[in-house]
Amino acid sequence: MARRIKFQWPVRIIRYNSDRDSRRSFTHTQQVQVWHEQNGRCGNHIAPGCKKKLDLRTVIYHHVQPWYRGGLTVLDNCVALCPNCHQEKTFADNLGNAEESRGKTVDKAE
């Protein structure tokens, strides 16, 4: 039996820019280097008190400047996060995008 995918509305469509870095995932070498630079600890700058010891099975390598906004897939733009901090960071980014979009819509209506 096929599994149905549930979407949360509104669905945001991201238009890809040809100027964007074509490689979205960090290489294994980059991941190992970030892991060692952070001493295997969460690098969340929003909640600096986290510093949880990262688990290799669940660590998420995150773009500081989002990839869809032109952030490059380079070491200076990479941070290793625990799943909880990644979820918080993604939620904060998405909330900011929604507020920004809402603001643009209001500006056009005026």
C-alpha atoms as a PDB file:
ATOM      1  CA  MET A   1       0.000   0.000   0.000  1.00  0.00           C
ATOM      2  CA  ALA A   2       1.360   3.419  -0.966  1.00  0.00           C
ATOM      3  CA  ARG A   3       2.053   5.903   1.793  1.00  0.00           C
ATOM      4  CA  ARG A   4       0.446   9.319   1.498  1.00  0.00           C
ATOM      5  CA  ILE A   5       2.573  12.374   2.099  1.00  0.00           C
ATOM      6  CA  LYS A   6       0.996  15.098   4.200  1.00  0.00           C
ATOM      7  CA  PHE A   7       1.817  18.687   3.317  1.00  0.00           C
ATOM      8  CA  GLN A   8       1.404  21.626   5.612  1.00  0.00           C
ATOM      9  CA  TRP A   9      -0.208  24.537   3.831  1.00  0.00           C
ATOM     10  CA  PRO A  10       0.816  26.944   2.558  1.00  0.00           C
ATOM     11  CA  VAL A  11       3.573  25.092   0.731  1.00  0.00           C
ATOM     12  CA  ARG A  12       6.517  27.367  -0.007  1.00  0.00           C
ATOM     13  CA  ILE A  13       8.008  27.005  -3.466  1.00  0.00           C
ATOM     14  CA  ILE A  14      11.697  27.780  -3.658  1.00  0.00           C
ATOM     15  CA  ARG A  15      12.924  29.064  -6.983  1.00  0.00           C
ATOM     16  CA  TYR A  16      16.464  27.959  -7.693  1.00  0.00           C
ATOM     17  CA  ASN A  17      18.973  30.604  -8.577  1.00  0.00           C
ATOM     18  CA  SER A  18      21.711  29.748 -11.078  1.00  0.00           C
ATOM     19  CA  ASP A  19      24.197  31.776  -8.983  1.00  0.00           C
ATOM     20  CA  ARG A  20      23.722  29.375  -6.062  1.00  0.00           C
ATOM     21  CA  ASP A  21      26.356  26.877  -4.962  1.00  0.00           C
ATOM     22  CA  SER A  22      25.529  23.680  -6.863  1.00  0.00           C
ATOM     23  CA  ARG A  23      26.643  21.449  -3.970  1.00  0.00           C
ATOM     24  CA  ARG A  24      24.214  21.497  -1.050  1.00  0.00           C
ATOM     25  CA  SER A  25      25.617  18.776   1.214  1.00  0.00           C
ATOM     26  CA  PHE A  26      28.854  19.202   3.098  1.00  0.00           C
ATOM     27  CA  THR A  27      31.539  16.678   2.156  1.00  0.00           C
ATOM     28  CA  HIS A  28      32.657  14.041   4.638  1.00  0.00           C
ATOM     29  CA  THR A  29      35.997  15.851   4.973  1.00  0.00           C
ATOM     30  CA  GLN A  30      34.213  19.122   5.834  1.00  0.00           C
ATOM     31  CA  GLN A  31      31.985  17.328   8.336  1.00  0.00           C
ATOM     32  CA  VAL A  32      34.981  15.721  10.087  1.00  0.00           C
ATOM     33  CA  GLN A  33      36.780  19.068  10.261  1.00  0.00           C
ATOM     34  CA  VAL A  34      33.733  20.864  11.741  1.00  0.00           C
ATOM     35  CA  TRP A  35      33.238  18.000  14.216  1.00  0.00           C
ATOM     36  CA  HIS A  36      36.835  18.400  15.455  1.00  0.00           C
ATOM     37  CA  GLU A  37      36.699  22.210  15.521  1.00  0.00           C
ATOM     38  CA  GLN A  38      33.630  21.993  17.781  1.00  0.00           C
ATOM     39  CA  ASN A  39      35.161  19.154  19.862  1.00  0.00           C
ATOM     40  CA  GLY A  40      32.145  16.965  19.094  1.00  0.00           C
ATOM     41  CA  ARG A  41      29.786  19.435  20.771  1.00  0.00           C
ATOM     42  CA  CYS A  42      26.694  21.249  19.486  1.00  0.00           C
ATOM     43  CA  GLY A  43      27.647  24.601  17.959  1.00  0.00           C
ATOM     44  CA  ASN A  44      24.315  26.378  18.391  1.00  0.00           C
ATOM     45  CA  HIS A  45      24.883  30.142  18.691  1.00  0.00           C
ATOM     46  CA  ILE A  46      21.221  30.849  19.493  1.00  0.00           C
ATOM     47  CA  ALA A  47      21.352  28.765  22.684  1.00  0.00           C
ATOM     48  CA  PRO A  48      25.069  28.855  23.556  1.00  0.00           C
ATOM     49  CA  GLY A  49      24.386  26.923  26.744  1.00  0.00           C
ATOM     50  CA  CYS A  50      23.511  23.759  24.777  1.00  0.00           C
ATOM     51  CA  LYS A  51      26.996  22.395  23.979  1.00  0.00           C
ATOM     52  CA  LYS A  52      25.578  18.849  24.098  1.00  0.00           C
ATOM     53  CA  LYS A  53      27.906  16.065  23.104  1.00  0.00           C
ATOM     54  CA  LEU A  54      26.931  15.185  19.538  1.00  0.00           C
ATOM     55  CA  ASP A  55      26.004  11.684  18.442  1.00  0.00           C
ATOM     56  CA  LEU A  56      27.466  10.659  15.081  1.00  0.00           C
ATOM     57  CA  ARG A  57      24.153   8.986  14.215  1.00  0.00           C
ATOM     58  CA  THR A  58      22.048  12.119  14.702  1.00  0.00           C
ATOM     59  CA  VAL A  59      24.339  15.131  14.136  1.00  0.00           C
ATOM     60  CA  ILE A  60      23.132  17.603  11.498  1.00  0.00           C
ATOM     61  CA  TYR A  61      25.557  19.779   9.526  1.00  0.00           C
ATOM     62  CA  HIS A  62      23.760  23.053   9.006  1.00  0.00           C
ATOM     63  CA  HIS A  63      24.364  26.083   6.773  1.00  0.00           C
ATOM     64  CA  VAL A  64      24.706  29.225   8.937  1.00  0.00           C
ATOM     65  CA  GLN A  65      23.662  31.379   5.960  1.00  0.00           C
ATOM     66  CA  PRO A  66      20.892  29.238   4.432  1.00  0.00           C
ATOM     67  CA  TRP A  67      21.781  27.510   1.181  1.00  0.00           C
ATOM     68  CA  TYR A  68      18.543  28.615  -0.487  1.00  0.00           C
ATOM     69  CA  ARG A  69      19.529  32.220   0.263  1.00  0.00           C
ATOM     70  CA  GLY A  70      22.899  31.904  -1.424  1.00  0.00           C
ATOM     71  CA  GLY A  71      24.865  30.459   1.498  1.00  0.00           C
ATOM     72  CA  LEU A  72      27.873  28.511   0.265  1.00  0.00           C
ATOM     73  CA  THR A  73      28.685  24.942   1.208  1.00  0.00           C
ATOM     74  CA  VAL A  74      32.041  25.841   2.759  1.00  0.00           C
ATOM     75  CA  LEU A  75      33.597  25.361   6.204  1.00  0.00           C
ATOM     76  CA  ASP A  76      33.006  28.963   7.273  1.00  0.00           C
ATOM     77  CA  ASN A  77      29.280  28.460   6.685  1.00  0.00           C
ATOM     78  CA  CYS A  78      28.948  25.091   8.447  1.00  0.00           C
ATOM     79  CA  VAL A  79      27.929  24.298  12.012  1.00  0.00           C
ATOM     80  CA  ALA A  80      27.261  20.895  13.581  1.00  0.00           C
ATOM     81  CA  LEU A  81      24.029  20.857  15.572  1.00  0.00           C
ATOM     82  CA  CYS A  82      22.145  18.405  17.760  1.00  0.00           C
ATOM     83  CA  PRO A  83      18.658  17.563  16.411  1.00  0.00           C
ATOM     84  CA  ASN A  84      16.870  19.793  18.957  1.00  0.00           C
ATOM     85  CA  CYS A  85      18.964  22.863  18.173  1.00  0.00           C
ATOM     86  CA  HIS A  86      18.634  22.215  14.434  1.00  0.00           C
ATOM     87  CA  GLN A  87      14.856  22.110  14.805  1.00  0.00           C
ATOM     88  CA  GLU A  88      14.885  25.400  16.766  1.00  0.00           C
ATOM     89  CA  LYS A  89      17.180  27.055  14.210  1.00  0.00           C
ATOM     90  CA  THR A  90      15.064  25.874  11.277  1.00  0.00           C
ATOM     91  CA  PHE A  91      11.874  27.042  13.002  1.00  0.00           C
ATOM     92  CA  ALA A  92      13.420  30.471  13.671  1.00  0.00           C
ATOM     93  CA  ASP A  93      14.580  30.738  10.033  1.00  0.00           C
ATOM     94  CA  ASN A  94      11.154  29.728   8.711  1.00  0.00           C
ATOM     95  CA  LEU A  95       9.395  32.154  11.061  1.00  0.00           C
ATOM     96  CA  GLY A  96      11.659  34.952   9.839  1.00  0.00           C
ATOM     97  CA  ASN A  97      10.918  34.010   6.222  1.00  0.00           C
ATOM     98  CA  ALA A  98       7.169  34.057   6.883  1.00  0.00           C
ATOM     99  CA  GLU A  99       7.344  37.470   8.555  1.00  0.00           C
ATOM    100  CA  GLU A 100       9.527  38.792   5.747  1.00  0.00           C
ATOM    101  CA  SER A 101       7.095  37.489   3.114  1.00  0.00           C
ATOM    102  CA  ARG A 102       4.148  38.957   4.997  1.00  0.00           C
ATOM    103  CA  GLY A 103       5.921  42.307   5.183  1.00  0.00           C
ATOM    104  CA  LYS A 104       6.621  42.287   1.442  1.00  0.00           C
ATOM    105  CA  THR A 105       2.964  41.539   0.701  1.00  0.00           C
ATOM    106  CA  VAL A 106       1.811  44.380   2.921  1.00  0.00           C
ATOM    107  CA  ASP A 107       4.268  46.780   1.282  1.00  0.00           C
ATOM    108  CA  LYS A 108       2.949  45.911  -2.183  1.00  0.00           C
ATOM    109  CA  ALA A 109      -0.660  46.429  -1.082  1.00  0.00           C
ATOM    110  CA  GLU A 110       0.030  49.942   0.219  1.00  0.00           C
END
